Amino acid sequence: MTDDRKVPAWAIGLAAGLSVAVVYVLSAGPALLYGFEATLVHHQEAGWVSQVYAPVFWLNEHTVLSYPLGWYFGFWLSFATTPALPTCG
């Protein structure tokens, strides 16, 4: 016997929307690394990163997501190839 149950269209739409939102937030880390590298190492303009990911950066600064997002951004920035700045002392 076959089971002919159909998934409701709203459930598919909800799953697709949530998937896009999760991928958008997770792509902010690599984009931040790219913008950091492009600006400081290669002296190129990467202002599009701050414009495209402004909602994610706002969440990082104004909500309870600041700790997990800050950790995630720090994780990606740890891959930066910029040499360490000399310290005084």
PDB file of N, CA and C in Angstrom:
ATOM      1  N   MET A   1       0.840  -1.172   0.000  1.00  0.00           N
ATOM      2  CA  MET A   1       0.000   0.000   0.000  1.00  0.00           C
ATOM      3  C   MET A   1       0.891   1.243   0.000  1.00  0.00           C
ATOM      4  N   THR A   2       0.399   2.251  -0.658  1.00  0.00           N
ATOM      5  CA  THR A   2       1.149   3.506  -0.717  1.00  0.00           C
ATOM      6  C   THR A   2       0.500   4.524   0.201  1.00  0.00           C
ATOM      7  N   ASP A   3       1.317   5.390   0.712  1.00  0.00           N
ATOM      8  CA  ASP A   3       0.840   6.464   1.581  1.00  0.00           C
ATOM      9  C   ASP A   3       0.858   7.751   0.765  1.00  0.00           C
ATOM     10  N   ASP A   4      -0.310   8.270   0.434  1.00  0.00           N
ATOM     11  CA  ASP A   4      -0.413   9.423  -0.452  1.00  0.00           C
ATOM     12  C   ASP A   4      -0.601  10.736   0.305  1.00  0.00           C
ATOM     13  N   ARG A   5       0.055  10.905   1.418  1.00  0.00           N
ATOM     14  CA  ARG A   5      -0.042  12.166   2.156  1.00  0.00           C
ATOM     15  C   ARG A   5       0.813  13.217   1.466  1.00  0.00           C
ATOM     16  N   LYS A   6       0.296  14.407   1.390  1.00  0.00           N
ATOM     17  CA  LYS A   6       1.028  15.514   0.781  1.00  0.00           C
ATOM     18  C   LYS A   6       1.478  16.479   1.871  1.00  0.00           C
ATOM     19  N   VAL A   7       2.647  17.046   1.669  1.00  0.00           N
ATOM     20  CA  VAL A   7       3.144  18.065   2.593  1.00  0.00           C
ATOM     21  C   VAL A   7       2.473  19.381   2.232  1.00  0.00           C
ATOM     22  N   PRO A   8       1.922  20.089   3.213  1.00  0.00           N
ATOM     23  CA  PRO A   8       1.266  21.360   2.916  1.00  0.00           C
ATOM     24  C   PRO A   8       2.256  22.372   2.314  1.00  0.00           C
ATOM     25  N   ALA A   9       1.747  23.183   1.417  1.00  0.00           N
ATOM     26  CA  ALA A   9       2.591  24.185   0.751  1.00  0.00           C
ATOM     27  C   ALA A   9       3.175  25.179   1.755  1.00  0.00           C
ATOM     28  N   TRP A  10       2.405  25.525   2.798  1.00  0.00           N
ATOM     29  CA  TRP A  10       2.922  26.481   3.769  1.00  0.00           C
ATOM     30  C   TRP A  10       4.112  25.905   4.521  1.00  0.00           C
ATOM     31  N   ALA A  11       4.127  24.602   4.748  1.00  0.00           N
ATOM     32  CA  ALA A  11       5.249  23.977   5.448  1.00  0.00           C
ATOM     33  C   ALA A  11       6.509  24.008   4.589  1.00  0.00           C
ATOM     34  N   ILE A  12       6.332  23.792   3.298  1.00  0.00           N
ATOM     35  CA  ILE A  12       7.480  23.869   2.388  1.00  0.00           C
ATOM     36  C   ILE A  12       8.002  25.298   2.328  1.00  0.00           C
ATOM     37  N   GLY A  13       7.093  26.261   2.250  1.00  0.00           N
ATOM     38  CA  GLY A  13       7.491  27.674   2.228  1.00  0.00           C
ATOM     39  C   GLY A  13       8.192  28.086   3.510  1.00  0.00           C
ATOM     40  N   LEU A  14       7.686  27.624   4.643  1.00  0.00           N
ATOM     41  CA  LEU A  14       8.303  27.944   5.933  1.00  0.00           C
ATOM     42  C   LEU A  14       9.699  27.339   6.027  1.00  0.00           C
ATOM     43  N   ALA A  15       9.835  26.092   5.621  1.00  0.00           N
ATOM     44  CA  ALA A  15      11.145  25.439   5.661  1.00  0.00           C
ATOM     45  C   ALA A  15      12.131  26.138   4.728  1.00  0.00           C
ATOM     46  N   ALA A  16      11.676  26.537   3.550  1.00  0.00           N
ATOM     47  CA  ALA A  16      12.554  27.234   2.611  1.00  0.00           C
ATOM     48  C   ALA A  16      12.968  28.592   3.167  1.00  0.00           C
ATOM     49  N   GLY A  17      12.019  29.317   3.746  1.00  0.00           N
ATOM     50  CA  GLY A  17      12.334  30.626   4.319  1.00  0.00           C
ATOM     51  C   GLY A  17      13.308  30.541   5.480  1.00  0.00           C
ATOM     52  N   LEU A  18      13.097  29.576   6.371  1.00  0.00           N
ATOM     53  CA  LEU A  18      14.019  29.396   7.495  1.00  0.00           C
ATOM     54  C   LEU A  18      15.406  28.975   7.013  1.00  0.00           C
ATOM     55  N   SER A  19      15.452  28.143   5.988  1.00  0.00           N
ATOM     56  CA  SER A  19      16.746  27.711   5.439  1.00  0.00           C
ATOM     57  C   SER A  19      17.509  28.889   4.859  1.00  0.00           C
ATOM     58  N   VAL A  20      16.818  29.739   4.132  1.00  0.00           N
ATOM     59  CA  VAL A  20      17.471  30.922   3.554  1.00  0.00           C
ATOM     60  C   VAL A  20      17.971  31.845   4.671  1.00  0.00           C
ATOM     61  N   ALA A  21      17.175  32.037   5.710  1.00  0.00           N
ATOM     62  CA  ALA A  21      17.579  32.899   6.818  1.00  0.00           C
ATOM     63  C   ALA A  21      18.807  32.348   7.535  1.00  0.00           C
ATOM     64  N   VAL A  22      18.848  31.056   7.760  1.00  0.00           N
ATOM     65  CA  VAL A  22      19.997  30.439   8.435  1.00  0.00           C
ATOM     66  C   VAL A  22      21.256  30.550   7.578  1.00  0.00           C
ATOM     67  N   VAL A  23      21.128  30.283   6.292  1.00  0.00           N
ATOM     68  CA  VAL A  23      22.294  30.395   5.392  1.00  0.00           C
ATOM     69  C   VAL A  23      22.780  31.840   5.335  1.00  0.00           C
ATOM     70  N   TYR A  24      21.861  32.807   5.325  1.00  0.00           N
ATOM     71  CA  TYR A  24      22.227  34.224   5.302  1.00  0.00           C
ATOM     72  C   TYR A  24      23.043  34.588   6.549  1.00  0.00           C
ATOM     73  N   VAL A  25      22.555  34.198   7.709  1.00  0.00           N
ATOM     74  CA  VAL A  25      23.275  34.527   8.952  1.00  0.00           C
ATOM     75  C   VAL A  25      24.623  33.819   8.992  1.00  0.00           C
ATOM     76  N   LEU A  26      24.673  32.550   8.612  1.00  0.00           N
ATOM     77  CA  LEU A  26      25.934  31.812   8.651  1.00  0.00           C
ATOM     78  C   LEU A  26      26.933  32.312   7.613  1.00  0.00           C
ATOM     79  N   SER A  27      26.459  32.888   6.519  1.00  0.00           N
ATOM     80  CA  SER A  27      27.388  33.399   5.514  1.00  0.00           C
ATOM     81  C   SER A  27      28.005  34.729   5.923  1.00  0.00           C
ATOM     82  N   ALA A  28      27.516  35.338   6.983  1.00  0.00           N
ATOM     83  CA  ALA A  28      28.080  36.606   7.447  1.00  0.00           C
ATOM     84  C   ALA A  28      29.513  36.428   7.949  1.00  0.00           C
ATOM     85  N   GLY A  29      29.837  35.290   8.546  1.00  0.00           N
ATOM     86  CA  GLY A  29      31.196  35.052   9.043  1.00  0.00           C
ATOM     87  C   GLY A  29      32.233  35.045   7.934  1.00  0.00           C
ATOM     88  N   PRO A  30      32.069  34.214   6.907  1.00  0.00           N
ATOM     89  CA  PRO A  30      33.028  34.238   5.810  1.00  0.00           C
ATOM     90  C   PRO A  30      33.066  35.591   5.087  1.00  0.00           C
ATOM     91  N   ALA A  31      31.918  36.250   4.961  1.00  0.00           N
ATOM     92  CA  ALA A  31      31.900  37.561   4.309  1.00  0.00           C
ATOM     93  C   ALA A  31      32.659  38.588   5.141  1.00  0.00           C
ATOM     94  N   LEU A  32      32.539  38.510   6.457  1.00  0.00           N
ATOM     95  CA  LEU A  32      33.277  39.412   7.330  1.00  0.00           C
ATOM     96  C   LEU A  32      34.776  39.191   7.184  1.00  0.00           C
ATOM     97  N   LEU A  33      35.193  37.945   7.113  1.00  0.00           N
ATOM     98  CA  LEU A  33      36.610  37.633   6.897  1.00  0.00           C
ATOM     99  C   LEU A  33      37.069  38.190   5.557  1.00  0.00           C
ATOM    100  N   TYR A  34      36.269  38.005   4.510  1.00  0.00           N
ATOM    101  CA  TYR A  34      36.622  38.545   3.193  1.00  0.00           C
ATOM    102  C   TYR A  34      36.769  40.067   3.248  1.00  0.00           C
ATOM    103  N   GLY A  35      35.804  40.734   3.874  1.00  0.00           N
ATOM    104  CA  GLY A  35      35.867  42.194   3.977  1.00  0.00           C
ATOM    105  C   GLY A  35      37.073  42.658   4.760  1.00  0.00           C
ATOM    106  N   PHE A  36      37.402  41.960   5.830  1.00  0.00           N
ATOM    107  CA  PHE A  36      38.572  42.292   6.644  1.00  0.00           C
ATOM    108  C   PHE A  36      39.854  42.150   5.832  1.00  0.00           C
ATOM    109  N   GLU A  37      39.988  41.018   5.146  1.00  0.00           N
ATOM    110  CA  GLU A  37      41.172  40.765   4.330  1.00  0.00           C
ATOM    111  C   GLU A  37      41.271  41.762   3.172  1.00  0.00           C
ATOM    112  N   ALA A  38      40.163  42.017   2.495  1.00  0.00           N
ATOM    113  CA  ALA A  38      40.182  42.908   1.336  1.00  0.00           C
ATOM    114  C   ALA A  38      40.560  44.320   1.734  1.00  0.00           C
ATOM    115  N   THR A  39      40.067  44.768   2.876  1.00  0.00           N
ATOM    116  CA  THR A  39      40.320  46.136   3.298  1.00  0.00           C
ATOM    117  C   THR A  39      41.732  46.316   3.853  1.00  0.00           C
ATOM    118  N   LEU A  40      42.140  45.464   4.765  1.00  0.00           N
ATOM    119  CA  LEU A  40      43.416  45.672   5.446  1.00  0.00           C
ATOM    120  C   LEU A  40      44.612  45.104   4.697  1.00  0.00           C
ATOM    121  N   VAL A  41      44.460  44.005   4.020  1.00  0.00           N
ATOM    122  CA  VAL A  41      45.591  43.353   3.376  1.00  0.00           C
ATOM    123  C   VAL A  41      45.742  43.814   1.934  1.00  0.00           C
ATOM    124  N   HIS A  42      44.642  43.807   1.207  1.00  0.00           N
ATOM    125  CA  HIS A  42      44.719  44.092  -0.222  1.00  0.00           C
ATOM    126  C   HIS A  42      44.330  45.519  -0.561  1.00  0.00           C
ATOM    127  N   HIS A  43      43.967  46.318   0.432  1.00  0.00           N
ATOM    128  CA  HIS A  43      43.608  47.731   0.265  1.00  0.00           C
ATOM    129  C   HIS A  43      42.523  47.919  -0.790  1.00  0.00           C
ATOM    130  N   GLN A  44      41.522  47.067  -0.746  1.00  0.00           N
ATOM    131  CA  GLN A  44      40.373  47.168  -1.643  1.00  0.00           C
ATOM    132  C   GLN A  44      39.145  47.559  -0.833  1.00  0.00           C
ATOM    133  N   GLU A  45      38.199  48.144  -1.505  1.00  0.00           N
ATOM    134  CA  GLU A  45      36.957  48.538  -0.846  1.00  0.00           C
ATOM    135  C   GLU A  45      36.037  47.331  -0.709  1.00  0.00           C
ATOM    136  N   ALA A  46      35.581  47.072   0.487  1.00  0.00           N
ATOM    137  CA  ALA A  46      34.654  45.960   0.727  1.00  0.00           C
ATOM    138  C   ALA A  46      33.469  46.443   1.546  1.00  0.00           C
ATOM    139  N   GLY A  47      33.004  47.657   1.257  1.00  0.00           N
ATOM    140  CA  GLY A  47      31.889  48.230   1.996  1.00  0.00           C
ATOM    141  C   GLY A  47      30.581  47.499   1.797  1.00  0.00           C
ATOM    142  N   TRP A  48      30.510  46.701   0.743  1.00  0.00           N
ATOM    143  CA  TRP A  48      29.271  45.951   0.485  1.00  0.00           C
ATOM    144  C   TRP A  48      28.980  44.975   1.616  1.00  0.00           C
ATOM    145  N   VAL A  49      30.028  44.509   2.300  1.00  0.00           N
ATOM    146  CA  VAL A  49      29.813  43.538   3.387  1.00  0.00           C
ATOM    147  C   VAL A  49      28.980  44.180   4.490  1.00  0.00           C
ATOM    148  N   SER A  50      29.327  45.407   4.873  1.00  0.00           N
ATOM    149  CA  SER A  50      28.574  46.061   5.945  1.00  0.00           C
ATOM    150  C   SER A  50      27.165  46.423   5.509  1.00  0.00           C
ATOM    151  N   GLN A  51      26.949  46.632   4.226  1.00  0.00           N
ATOM    152  CA  GLN A  51      25.608  46.946   3.742  1.00  0.00           C
ATOM    153  C   GLN A  51      24.742  45.691   3.646  1.00  0.00           C
ATOM    154  N   VAL A  52      25.285  44.638   3.074  1.00  0.00           N
ATOM    155  CA  VAL A  52      24.507  43.408   2.880  1.00  0.00           C
ATOM    156  C   VAL A  52      24.175  42.743   4.214  1.00  0.00           C
ATOM    157  N   TYR A  53      25.112  42.779   5.141  1.00  0.00           N
ATOM    158  CA  TYR A  53      24.933  42.084   6.413  1.00  0.00           C
ATOM    159  C   TYR A  53      24.589  43.028   7.567  1.00  0.00           C
ATOM    160  N   ALA A  54      24.103  44.230   7.259  1.00  0.00           N
ATOM    161  CA  ALA A  54      23.727  45.191   8.300  1.00  0.00           C
ATOM    162  C   ALA A  54      22.716  44.610   9.296  1.00  0.00           C
ATOM    163  N   PRO A  55      21.704  43.862   8.856  1.00  0.00           N
ATOM    164  CA  PRO A  55      20.767  43.295   9.846  1.00  0.00           C
ATOM    165  C   PRO A  55      21.447  42.318  10.815  1.00  0.00           C
ATOM    166  N   VAL A  56      22.386  41.540  10.324  1.00  0.00           N
ATOM    167  CA  VAL A  56      23.088  40.587  11.195  1.00  0.00           C
ATOM    168  C   VAL A  56      23.970  41.342  12.185  1.00  0.00           C
ATOM    169  N   PHE A  57      24.657  42.388  11.708  1.00  0.00           N
ATOM    170  CA  PHE A  57      25.508  43.178  12.600  1.00  0.00           C
ATOM    171  C   PHE A  57      24.658  43.921  13.632  1.00  0.00           C
ATOM    172  N   TRP A  58      23.458  44.340  13.238  1.00  0.00           N
ATOM    173  CA  TRP A  58      22.553  44.980  14.189  1.00  0.00           C
ATOM    174  C   TRP A  58      22.152  43.987  15.272  1.00  0.00           C
ATOM    175  N   LEU A  59      21.822  42.767  14.870  1.00  0.00           N
ATOM    176  CA  LEU A  59      21.485  41.729  15.847  1.00  0.00           C
ATOM    177  C   LEU A  59      22.644  41.499  16.807  1.00  0.00           C
ATOM    178  N   ASN A  60      23.858  41.548  16.297  1.00  0.00           N
ATOM    179  CA  ASN A  60      25.046  41.346  17.122  1.00  0.00           C
ATOM    180  C   ASN A  60      25.212  42.462  18.148  1.00  0.00           C
ATOM    181  N   GLU A  61      24.810  43.671  17.802  1.00  0.00           N
ATOM    182  CA  GLU A  61      25.016  44.807  18.697  1.00  0.00           C
ATOM    183  C   GLU A  61      23.849  45.097  19.641  1.00  0.00           C
ATOM    184  N   HIS A  62      22.637  44.671  19.297  1.00  0.00           N
ATOM    185  CA  HIS A  62      21.472  45.117  20.053  1.00  0.00           C
ATOM    186  C   HIS A  62      20.597  44.017  20.632  1.00  0.00           C
ATOM    187  N   THR A  63      20.972  42.776  20.525  1.00  0.00           N
ATOM    188  CA  THR A  63      20.109  41.708  21.044  1.00  0.00           C
ATOM    189  C   THR A  63      20.918  40.729  21.892  1.00  0.00           C
ATOM    190  N   VAL A  64      20.236  39.745  22.407  1.00  0.00           N
ATOM    191  CA  VAL A  64      20.893  38.721  23.206  1.00  0.00           C
ATOM    192  C   VAL A  64      21.757  37.793  22.344  1.00  0.00           C
ATOM    193  N   LEU A  65      21.688  37.953  21.041  1.00  0.00           N
ATOM    194  CA  LEU A  65      22.519  37.146  20.144  1.00  0.00           C
ATOM    195  C   LEU A  65      23.946  37.675  20.042  1.00  0.00           C
ATOM    196  N   SER A  66      24.271  38.714  20.800  1.00  0.00           N
ATOM    197  CA  SER A  66      25.602  39.310  20.689  1.00  0.00           C
ATOM    198  C   SER A  66      26.708  38.327  21.071  1.00  0.00           C
ATOM    199  N   TYR A  67      26.488  37.506  22.076  1.00  0.00           N
ATOM    200  CA  TYR A  67      27.537  36.563  22.460  1.00  0.00           C
ATOM    201  C   TYR A  67      27.753  35.479  21.401  1.00  0.00           C
ATOM    202  N   PRO A  68      26.706  34.759  20.958  1.00  0.00           N
ATOM    203  CA  PRO A  68      26.966  33.722  19.949  1.00  0.00           C
ATOM    204  C   PRO A  68      27.437  34.290  18.614  1.00  0.00           C
ATOM    205  N   LEU A  69      26.877  35.417  18.183  1.00  0.00           N
ATOM    206  CA  LEU A  69      27.333  36.004  16.919  1.00  0.00           C
ATOM    207  C   LEU A  69      28.754  36.538  17.052  1.00  0.00           C
ATOM    208  N   GLY A  70      29.057  37.158  18.189  1.00  0.00           N
ATOM    209  CA  GLY A  70      30.419  37.648  18.417  1.00  0.00           C
ATOM    210  C   GLY A  70      31.430  36.513  18.408  1.00  0.00           C
ATOM    211  N   TRP A  71      31.058  35.392  19.019  1.00  0.00           N
ATOM    212  CA  TRP A  71      31.943  34.224  18.994  1.00  0.00           C
ATOM    213  C   TRP A  71      32.122  33.734  17.566  1.00  0.00           C
ATOM    214  N   TYR A  72      31.024  33.666  16.814  1.00  0.00           N
ATOM    215  CA  TYR A  72      31.074  33.173  15.436  1.00  0.00           C
ATOM    216  C   TYR A  72      31.931  34.086  14.557  1.00  0.00           C
ATOM    217  N   PHE A  73      31.766  35.396  14.698  1.00  0.00           N
ATOM    218  CA  PHE A  73      32.587  36.325  13.920  1.00  0.00           C
ATOM    219  C   PHE A  73      34.053  36.209  14.319  1.00  0.00           C
ATOM    220  N   GLY A  74      34.319  36.083  15.608  1.00  0.00           N
ATOM    221  CA  GLY A  74      35.697  35.910  16.064  1.00  0.00           C
ATOM    222  C   GLY A  74      36.319  34.630  15.535  1.00  0.00           C
ATOM    223  N   PHE A  75      35.519  33.577  15.455  1.00  0.00           N
ATOM    224  CA  PHE A  75      36.004  32.320  14.890  1.00  0.00           C
ATOM    225  C   PHE A  75      36.477  32.532  13.465  1.00  0.00           C
ATOM    226  N   TRP A  76      35.670  33.206  12.638  1.00  0.00           N
ATOM    227  CA  TRP A  76      36.060  33.424  11.244  1.00  0.00           C
ATOM    228  C   TRP A  76      37.235  34.385  11.132  1.00  0.00           C
ATOM    229  N   LEU A  77      37.278  35.407  11.984  1.00  0.00           N
ATOM    230  CA  LEU A  77      38.388  36.355  11.908  1.00  0.00           C
ATOM    231  C   LEU A  77      39.696  35.737  12.390  1.00  0.00           C
ATOM    232  N   SER A  78      39.621  34.622  13.100  1.00  0.00           N
ATOM    233  CA  SER A  78      40.854  33.952  13.522  1.00  0.00           C
ATOM    234  C   SER A  78      41.597  33.353  12.333  1.00  0.00           C
ATOM    235  N   PHE A  79      40.937  33.233  11.198  1.00  0.00           N
ATOM    236  CA  PHE A  79      41.583  32.730   9.992  1.00  0.00           C
ATOM    237  C   PHE A  79      42.246  33.828   9.173  1.00  0.00           C
ATOM    238  N   ALA A  80      42.188  35.058   9.631  1.00  0.00           N
ATOM    239  CA  ALA A  80      42.763  36.178   8.888  1.00  0.00           C
ATOM    240  C   ALA A  80      44.274  35.993   8.757  1.00  0.00           C
ATOM    241  N   THR A  81      44.780  36.331   7.595  1.00  0.00           N
ATOM    242  CA  THR A  81      46.222  36.180   7.346  1.00  0.00           C
ATOM    243  C   THR A  81      46.997  37.444   7.662  1.00  0.00           C
ATOM    244  N   THR A  82      46.333  38.425   8.240  1.00  0.00           N
ATOM    245  CA  THR A  82      47.004  39.663   8.591  1.00  0.00           C
ATOM    246  C   THR A  82      48.016  39.405   9.692  1.00  0.00           C
ATOM    247  N   PRO A  83      49.242  39.859   9.504  1.00  0.00           N
ATOM    248  CA  PRO A  83      50.233  39.643  10.567  1.00  0.00           C
ATOM    249  C   PRO A  83      49.815  40.369  11.842  1.00  0.00           C
ATOM    250  N   ALA A  84      50.220  39.822  12.938  1.00  0.00           N
ATOM    251  CA  ALA A  84      49.878  40.411  14.228  1.00  0.00           C
ATOM    252  C   ALA A  84      50.534  41.780  14.354  1.00  0.00           C
ATOM    253  N   LEU A  85      49.817  42.688  14.974  1.00  0.00           N
ATOM    254  CA  LEU A  85      50.349  44.023  15.185  1.00  0.00           C
ATOM    255  C   LEU A  85      51.372  43.977  16.323  1.00  0.00           C
ATOM    256  N   PRO A  86      52.447  44.759  16.196  1.00  0.00           N
ATOM    257  CA  PRO A  86      53.428  44.753  17.290  1.00  0.00           C
ATOM    258  C   PRO A  86      52.824  45.358  18.561  1.00  0.00           C
ATOM    259  N   THR A  87      53.218  44.817  19.673  1.00  0.00           N
ATOM    260  CA  THR A  87      52.718  45.319  20.949  1.00  0.00           C
ATOM    261  C   THR A  87      53.768  46.198  21.596  1.00  0.00           C
ATOM    262  N   CYS A  88      53.315  47.119  22.402  1.00  0.00           N
ATOM    263  CA  CYS A  88      54.230  48.001  23.128  1.00  0.00           C
ATOM    264  C   CYS A  88      54.537  47.355  24.467  1.00  0.00           C
ATOM    265  N   GLY A  89      55.790  47.385  24.812  1.00  0.00           N
ATOM    266  CA  GLY A  89      56.141  46.908  26.135  1.00  0.00           C
ATOM    267  C   GLY A  89      56.786  45.635  26.076  1.00  0.00           C
TER     268      GLY A  89
END
